[in-house]
Amino acid sequence: MLTKIKCPKCNIEGTFSISDPVFDGPYKCWKCKELFHIRMEHGALKGIEAMSGEELAKFEQVEAIKNKFRRPG
């Protein structure tokens, strides 16, 4: 599913593709390269807030641990 997201910093509209109906994670603006944490449900943007590089690294570490213990199937 393709969704349009308007960057709060530079006001440029970008396209974001997700496969699940719910997404909670990082988004990087293609124009200004600013990082954001976004929450989406069924193609609708529910929340967006600025995210630092350190927060992104922490988020990726947590996701890697979750994936390590996730059951296949």
PDB file of N, CA and C in Angstrom:
ATOM      1  N   MET A   1       0.839  -1.164   0.000  1.00  0.00           N
ATOM      2  CA  MET A   1       0.000   0.000   0.000  1.00  0.00           C
ATOM      3  C   MET A   1       0.893   1.239   0.000  1.00  0.00           C
ATOM      4  N   LEU A   2       0.666   2.138  -0.928  1.00  0.00           N
ATOM      5  CA  LEU A   2       1.410   3.395  -1.005  1.00  0.00           C
ATOM      6  C   LEU A   2       0.641   4.483  -0.264  1.00  0.00           C
ATOM      7  N   THR A   3       1.360   5.230   0.557  1.00  0.00           N
ATOM      8  CA  THR A   3       0.764   6.312   1.330  1.00  0.00           C
ATOM      9  C   THR A   3       1.595   7.569   1.145  1.00  0.00           C
ATOM     10  N   LYS A   4       0.939   8.703   1.060  1.00  0.00           N
ATOM     11  CA  LYS A   4       1.622  10.002   0.959  1.00  0.00           C
ATOM     12  C   LYS A   4       1.860  10.548   2.369  1.00  0.00           C
ATOM     13  N   ILE A   5       3.088  11.045   2.586  1.00  0.00           N
ATOM     14  CA  ILE A   5       3.450  11.658   3.867  1.00  0.00           C
ATOM     15  C   ILE A   5       4.049  13.019   3.593  1.00  0.00           C
ATOM     16  N   LYS A   6       3.521  14.042   4.247  1.00  0.00           N
ATOM     17  CA  LYS A   6       4.055  15.394   4.103  1.00  0.00           C
ATOM     18  C   LYS A   6       5.044  15.651   5.237  1.00  0.00           C
ATOM     19  N   CYS A   7       6.277  15.989   4.874  1.00  0.00           N
ATOM     20  CA  CYS A   7       7.340  16.235   5.848  1.00  0.00           C
ATOM     21  C   CYS A   7       7.013  17.490   6.664  1.00  0.00           C
ATOM     22  N   PRO A   8       7.003  17.367   8.003  1.00  0.00           N
ATOM     23  CA  PRO A   8       6.721  18.543   8.832  1.00  0.00           C
ATOM     24  C   PRO A   8       7.825  19.603   8.788  1.00  0.00           C
ATOM     25  N   LYS A   9       9.036  19.192   8.387  1.00  0.00           N
ATOM     26  CA  LYS A   9      10.148  20.146   8.369  1.00  0.00           C
ATOM     27  C   LYS A   9      10.200  20.947   7.067  1.00  0.00           C
ATOM     28  N   CYS A  10      10.167  20.247   5.917  1.00  0.00           N
ATOM     29  CA  CYS A  10      10.341  20.952   4.642  1.00  0.00           C
ATOM     30  C   CYS A  10       9.059  21.032   3.805  1.00  0.00           C
ATOM     31  N   ASN A  11       7.998  20.385   4.277  1.00  0.00           N
ATOM     32  CA  ASN A  11       6.676  20.448   3.642  1.00  0.00           C
ATOM     33  C   ASN A  11       6.599  19.730   2.291  1.00  0.00           C
ATOM     34  N   ILE A  12       7.577  18.898   1.974  1.00  0.00           N
ATOM     35  CA  ILE A  12       7.567  18.127   0.730  1.00  0.00           C
ATOM     36  C   ILE A  12       6.768  16.846   0.959  1.00  0.00           C
ATOM     37  N   GLU A  13       5.996  16.445  -0.048  1.00  0.00           N
ATOM     38  CA  GLU A  13       5.229  15.215   0.055  1.00  0.00           C
ATOM     39  C   GLU A  13       6.045  14.053  -0.487  1.00  0.00           C
ATOM     40  N   GLY A  14       6.126  12.989   0.303  1.00  0.00           N
ATOM     41  CA  GLY A  14       6.840  11.795  -0.107  1.00  0.00           C
ATOM     42  C   GLY A  14       5.902  10.605  -0.128  1.00  0.00           C
ATOM     43  N   THR A  15       6.325   9.536  -0.765  1.00  0.00           N
ATOM     44  CA  THR A  15       5.535   8.320  -0.846  1.00  0.00           C
ATOM     45  C   THR A  15       6.194   7.255   0.019  1.00  0.00           C
ATOM     46  N   PHE A  16       5.363   6.542   0.775  1.00  0.00           N
ATOM     47  CA  PHE A  16       5.842   5.521   1.691  1.00  0.00           C
ATOM     48  C   PHE A  16       5.048   4.252   1.433  1.00  0.00           C
ATOM     49  N   SER A  17       5.740   3.140   1.287  1.00  0.00           N
ATOM     50  CA  SER A  17       5.087   1.865   0.992  1.00  0.00           C
ATOM     51  C   SER A  17       5.153   0.945   2.205  1.00  0.00           C
ATOM     52  N   ILE A  18       3.997   0.394   2.594  1.00  0.00           N
ATOM     53  CA  ILE A  18       3.952  -0.575   3.686  1.00  0.00           C
ATOM     54  C   ILE A  18       3.122  -1.777   3.245  1.00  0.00           C
ATOM     55  N   SER A  19       3.433  -2.935   3.803  1.00  0.00           N
ATOM     56  CA  SER A  19       2.694  -4.143   3.447  1.00  0.00           C
ATOM     57  C   SER A  19       1.674  -4.528   4.514  1.00  0.00           C
ATOM     58  N   ASP A  20       1.887  -4.102   5.755  1.00  0.00           N
ATOM     59  CA  ASP A  20       0.963  -4.407   6.845  1.00  0.00           C
ATOM     60  C   ASP A  20      -0.017  -3.257   7.050  1.00  0.00           C
ATOM     61  N   PRO A  21      -1.193  -3.523   7.595  1.00  0.00           N
ATOM     62  CA  PRO A  21      -2.161  -2.449   7.825  1.00  0.00           C
ATOM     63  C   PRO A  21      -1.719  -1.467   8.918  1.00  0.00           C
ATOM     64  N   VAL A  22      -0.819  -1.921   9.800  1.00  0.00           N
ATOM     65  CA  VAL A  22      -0.332  -1.066  10.887  1.00  0.00           C
ATOM     66  C   VAL A  22       1.185  -0.972  10.787  1.00  0.00           C
ATOM     67  N   PHE A  23       1.718   0.255  10.894  1.00  0.00           N
ATOM     68  CA  PHE A  23       3.164   0.474  10.868  1.00  0.00           C
ATOM     69  C   PHE A  23       3.523   1.450  11.972  1.00  0.00           C
ATOM     70  N   ASP A  24       4.577   1.128  12.715  1.00  0.00           N
ATOM     71  CA  ASP A  24       5.083   1.989  13.785  1.00  0.00           C
ATOM     72  C   ASP A  24       6.600   1.921  13.685  1.00  0.00           C
ATOM     73  N   GLY A  25       7.211   2.968  13.092  1.00  0.00           N
ATOM     74  CA  GLY A  25       8.644   2.915  12.903  1.00  0.00           C
ATOM     75  C   GLY A  25       9.202   4.163  12.252  1.00  0.00           C
ATOM     76  N   PRO A  26      10.437   4.066  11.761  1.00  0.00           N
ATOM     77  CA  PRO A  26      11.136   5.230  11.221  1.00  0.00           C
ATOM     78  C   PRO A  26      10.725   5.578   9.792  1.00  0.00           C
ATOM     79  N   TYR A  27      10.858   6.848   9.480  1.00  0.00           N
ATOM     80  CA  TYR A  27      10.639   7.377   8.137  1.00  0.00           C
ATOM     81  C   TYR A  27      11.662   8.487   7.919  1.00  0.00           C
ATOM     82  N   LYS A  28      12.304   8.503   6.745  1.00  0.00           N
ATOM     83  CA  LYS A  28      13.288   9.534   6.423  1.00  0.00           C
ATOM     84  C   LYS A  28      12.803  10.312   5.212  1.00  0.00           C
ATOM     85  N   CYS A  29      12.713  11.622   5.334  1.00  0.00           N
ATOM     86  CA  CYS A  29      12.290  12.482   4.233  1.00  0.00           C
ATOM     87  C   CYS A  29      13.319  12.410   3.113  1.00  0.00           C
ATOM     88  N   TRP A  30      12.854  12.208   1.904  1.00  0.00           N
ATOM     89  CA  TRP A  30      13.763  12.085   0.763  1.00  0.00           C
ATOM     90  C   TRP A  30      14.421  13.413   0.405  1.00  0.00           C
ATOM     91  N   LYS A  31      13.789  14.526   0.768  1.00  0.00           N
ATOM     92  CA  LYS A  31      14.296  15.853   0.390  1.00  0.00           C
ATOM     93  C   LYS A  31      15.286  16.409   1.423  1.00  0.00           C
ATOM     94  N   CYS A  32      14.825  16.570   2.683  1.00  0.00           N
ATOM     95  CA  CYS A  32      15.676  17.201   3.707  1.00  0.00           C
ATOM     96  C   CYS A  32      16.452  16.188   4.551  1.00  0.00           C
ATOM     97  N   LYS A  33      16.162  14.892   4.369  1.00  0.00           N
ATOM     98  CA  LYS A  33      16.852  13.798   5.059  1.00  0.00           C
ATOM     99  C   LYS A  33      16.582  13.757   6.562  1.00  0.00           C
ATOM    100  N   GLU A  34      15.555  14.459   7.030  1.00  0.00           N
ATOM    101  CA  GLU A  34      15.188  14.460   8.451  1.00  0.00           C
ATOM    102  C   GLU A  34      14.539  13.117   8.804  1.00  0.00           C
ATOM    103  N   LEU A  35      14.837  12.624  10.013  1.00  0.00           N
ATOM    104  CA  LEU A  35      14.277  11.366  10.500  1.00  0.00           C
ATOM    105  C   LEU A  35      13.019  11.627  11.330  1.00  0.00           C
ATOM    106  N   PHE A  36      12.033  10.745  11.171  1.00  0.00           N
ATOM    107  CA  PHE A  36      10.797  10.848  11.935  1.00  0.00           C
ATOM    108  C   PHE A  36      10.361   9.464  12.391  1.00  0.00           C
ATOM    109  N   HIS A  37       9.659   9.427  13.496  1.00  0.00           N
ATOM    110  CA  HIS A  37       8.997   8.207  13.958  1.00  0.00           C
ATOM    111  C   HIS A  37       7.529   8.382  13.596  1.00  0.00           C
ATOM    112  N   ILE A  38       6.993   7.449  12.792  1.00  0.00           N
ATOM    113  CA  ILE A  38       5.607   7.579  12.350  1.00  0.00           C
ATOM    114  C   ILE A  38       4.788   6.377  12.813  1.00  0.00           C
ATOM    115  N   ARG A  39       3.488   6.629  12.964  1.00  0.00           N
ATOM    116  CA  ARG A  39       2.517   5.587  13.267  1.00  0.00           C
ATOM    117  C   ARG A  39       1.415   5.673  12.221  1.00  0.00           C
ATOM    118  N   MET A  40       1.156   4.538  11.569  1.00  0.00           N
ATOM    119  CA  MET A  40       0.136   4.500  10.518  1.00  0.00           C
ATOM    120  C   MET A  40      -0.809   3.335  10.770  1.00  0.00           C
ATOM    121  N   GLU A  41      -2.090   3.548  10.460  1.00  0.00           N
ATOM    122  CA  GLU A  41      -3.088   2.493  10.537  1.00  0.00           C
ATOM    123  C   GLU A  41      -3.947   2.557   9.288  1.00  0.00           C
ATOM    124  N   HIS A  42      -3.972   1.460   8.552  1.00  0.00           N
ATOM    125  CA  HIS A  42      -4.799   1.329   7.344  1.00  0.00           C
ATOM    126  C   HIS A  42      -4.583   2.493   6.369  1.00  0.00           C
ATOM    127  N   GLY A  43      -3.320   2.863   6.165  1.00  0.00           N
ATOM    128  CA  GLY A  43      -2.975   3.906   5.208  1.00  0.00           C
ATOM    129  C   GLY A  43      -3.123   5.326   5.708  1.00  0.00           C
ATOM    130  N   ALA A  44      -3.592   5.502   6.946  1.00  0.00           N
ATOM    131  CA  ALA A  44      -3.778   6.847   7.508  1.00  0.00           C
ATOM    132  C   ALA A  44      -2.678   7.140   8.529  1.00  0.00           C
ATOM    133  N   LEU A  45      -2.071   8.304   8.418  1.00  0.00           N
ATOM    134  CA  LEU A  45      -1.021   8.732   9.339  1.00  0.00           C
ATOM    135  C   LEU A  45      -1.661   9.109  10.670  1.00  0.00           C
ATOM    136  N   LYS A  46      -1.268   8.417  11.739  1.00  0.00           N
ATOM    137  CA  LYS A  46      -1.829   8.657  13.079  1.00  0.00           C
ATOM    138  C   LYS A  46      -0.904   9.494  13.948  1.00  0.00           C
ATOM    139  N   GLY A  47       0.392   9.522  13.636  1.00  0.00           N
ATOM    140  CA  GLY A  47       1.327  10.297  14.432  1.00  0.00           C
ATOM    141  C   GLY A  47       2.669  10.418  13.743  1.00  0.00           C
ATOM    142  N   ILE A  48       3.315  11.566  13.949  1.00  0.00           N
ATOM    143  CA  ILE A  48       4.654  11.791  13.396  1.00  0.00           C
ATOM    144  C   ILE A  48       5.413  12.701  14.351  1.00  0.00           C
ATOM    145  N   GLU A  49       6.633  12.288  14.701  1.00  0.00           N
ATOM    146  CA  GLU A  49       7.469  13.112  15.580  1.00  0.00           C
ATOM    147  C   GLU A  49       8.933  12.951  15.180  1.00  0.00           C
ATOM    148  N   ALA A  50       9.705  13.974  15.437  1.00  0.00           N
ATOM    149  CA  ALA A  50      11.125  13.971  15.077  1.00  0.00           C
ATOM    150  C   ALA A  50      11.847  12.831  15.795  1.00  0.00           C
ATOM    151  N   MET A  51      12.876  12.303  15.139  1.00  0.00           N
ATOM    152  CA  MET A  51      13.647  11.184  15.679  1.00  0.00           C
ATOM    153  C   MET A  51      15.123  11.459  15.431  1.00  0.00           C
ATOM    154  N   SER A  52      15.949  11.230  16.428  1.00  0.00           N
ATOM    155  CA  SER A  52      17.384  11.437  16.267  1.00  0.00           C
ATOM    156  C   SER A  52      18.039  10.165  15.720  1.00  0.00           C
ATOM    157  N   GLY A  53      19.259  10.299  15.275  1.00  0.00           N
ATOM    158  CA  GLY A  53      20.010   9.145  14.802  1.00  0.00           C
ATOM    159  C   GLY A  53      20.220   8.116  15.903  1.00  0.00           C
ATOM    160  N   GLU A  54      20.399   8.581  17.142  1.00  0.00           N
ATOM    161  CA  GLU A  54      20.568   7.681  18.292  1.00  0.00           C
ATOM    162  C   GLU A  54      19.275   6.903  18.553  1.00  0.00           C
ATOM    163  N   GLU A  55      18.133   7.579  18.436  1.00  0.00           N
ATOM    164  CA  GLU A  55      16.850   6.908  18.623  1.00  0.00           C
ATOM    165  C   GLU A  55      16.621   5.862  17.532  1.00  0.00           C
ATOM    166  N   LEU A  56      17.049   6.173  16.313  1.00  0.00           N
ATOM    167  CA  LEU A  56      16.930   5.225  15.214  1.00  0.00           C
ATOM    168  C   LEU A  56      17.781   3.990  15.489  1.00  0.00           C
ATOM    169  N   ALA A  57      19.009   4.178  15.958  1.00  0.00           N
ATOM    170  CA  ALA A  57      19.895   3.056  16.262  1.00  0.00           C
ATOM    171  C   ALA A  57      19.287   2.178  17.356  1.00  0.00           C
ATOM    172  N   LYS A  58      18.720   2.791  18.381  1.00  0.00           N
ATOM    173  CA  LYS A  58      18.087   2.046  19.464  1.00  0.00           C
ATOM    174  C   LYS A  58      16.873   1.273  18.936  1.00  0.00           C
ATOM    175  N   PHE A  59      16.064   1.907  18.090  1.00  0.00           N
ATOM    176  CA  PHE A  59      14.895   1.262  17.498  1.00  0.00           C
ATOM    177  C   PHE A  59      15.325   0.038  16.688  1.00  0.00           C
ATOM    178  N   GLU A  60      16.377   0.181  15.884  1.00  0.00           N
ATOM    179  CA  GLU A  60      16.863  -0.925  15.063  1.00  0.00           C
ATOM    180  C   GLU A  60      17.399  -2.073  15.913  1.00  0.00           C
ATOM    181  N   GLN A  61      18.034  -1.766  17.051  1.00  0.00           N
ATOM    182  CA  GLN A  61      18.523  -2.810  17.952  1.00  0.00           C
ATOM    183  C   GLN A  61      17.360  -3.600  18.542  1.00  0.00           C
ATOM    184  N   VAL A  62      16.330  -2.894  18.976  1.00  0.00           N
ATOM    185  CA  VAL A  62      15.151  -3.548  19.550  1.00  0.00           C
ATOM    186  C   VAL A  62      14.473  -4.434  18.508  1.00  0.00           C
ATOM    187  N   GLU A  63      14.336  -3.940  17.273  1.00  0.00           N
ATOM    188  CA  GLU A  63      13.714  -4.727  16.206  1.00  0.00           C
ATOM    189  C   GLU A  63      14.533  -5.976  15.891  1.00  0.00           C
ATOM    190  N   ALA A  64      15.862  -5.861  15.911  1.00  0.00           N
ATOM    191  CA  ALA A  64      16.723  -7.014  15.651  1.00  0.00           C
ATOM    192  C   ALA A  64      16.531  -8.083  16.727  1.00  0.00           C
ATOM    193  N   ILE A  65      16.398  -7.658  17.977  1.00  0.00           N
ATOM    194  CA  ILE A  65      16.165  -8.608  19.072  1.00  0.00           C
ATOM    195  C   ILE A  65      14.793  -9.264  18.914  1.00  0.00           C
ATOM    196  N   LYS A  66      13.774  -8.479  18.579  1.00  0.00           N
ATOM    197  CA  LYS A  66      12.433  -9.038  18.366  1.00  0.00           C
ATOM    198  C   LYS A  66      12.449 -10.075  17.256  1.00  0.00           C
ATOM    199  N   ASN A  67      13.125  -9.756  16.146  1.00  0.00           N
ATOM    200  CA  ASN A  67      13.187 -10.672  15.011  1.00  0.00           C
ATOM    201  C   ASN A  67      13.943 -11.955  15.345  1.00  0.00           C
ATOM    202  N   LYS A  68      14.915 -11.844  16.215  1.00  0.00           N
ATOM    203  CA  LYS A  68      15.703 -13.019  16.618  1.00  0.00           C
ATOM    204  C   LYS A  68      14.832 -14.035  17.343  1.00  0.00           C
ATOM    205  N   PHE A  69      13.874 -13.564  18.135  1.00  0.00           N
ATOM    206  CA  PHE A  69      13.051 -14.454  18.939  1.00  0.00           C
ATOM    207  C   PHE A  69      11.666 -14.713  18.327  1.00  0.00           C
ATOM    208  N   ARG A  70      11.400 -14.153  17.167  1.00  0.00           N
ATOM    209  CA  ARG A  70      10.116 -14.360  16.504  1.00  0.00           C
ATOM    210  C   ARG A  70      10.053 -15.775  15.931  1.00  0.00           C
ATOM    211  N   ARG A  71       8.919 -16.398  16.113  1.00  0.00           N
ATOM    212  CA  ARG A  71       8.740 -17.766  15.590  1.00  0.00           C
ATOM    213  C   ARG A  71       8.481 -17.720  14.083  1.00  0.00           C
ATOM    214  N   PRO A  72       9.095 -18.634  13.353  1.00  0.00           N
ATOM    215  CA  PRO A  72       8.835 -18.671  11.908  1.00  0.00           C
ATOM    216  C   PRO A  72       7.411 -19.151  11.628  1.00  0.00           C
ATOM    217  N   GLY A  73       6.873 -18.637  10.525  1.00  0.00           N
ATOM    218  CA  GLY A  73       5.564 -19.110  10.096  1.00  0.00           C
ATOM    219  C   GLY A  73       4.559 -18.113  10.287  1.00  0.00           C
TER     220      GLY A  73
END
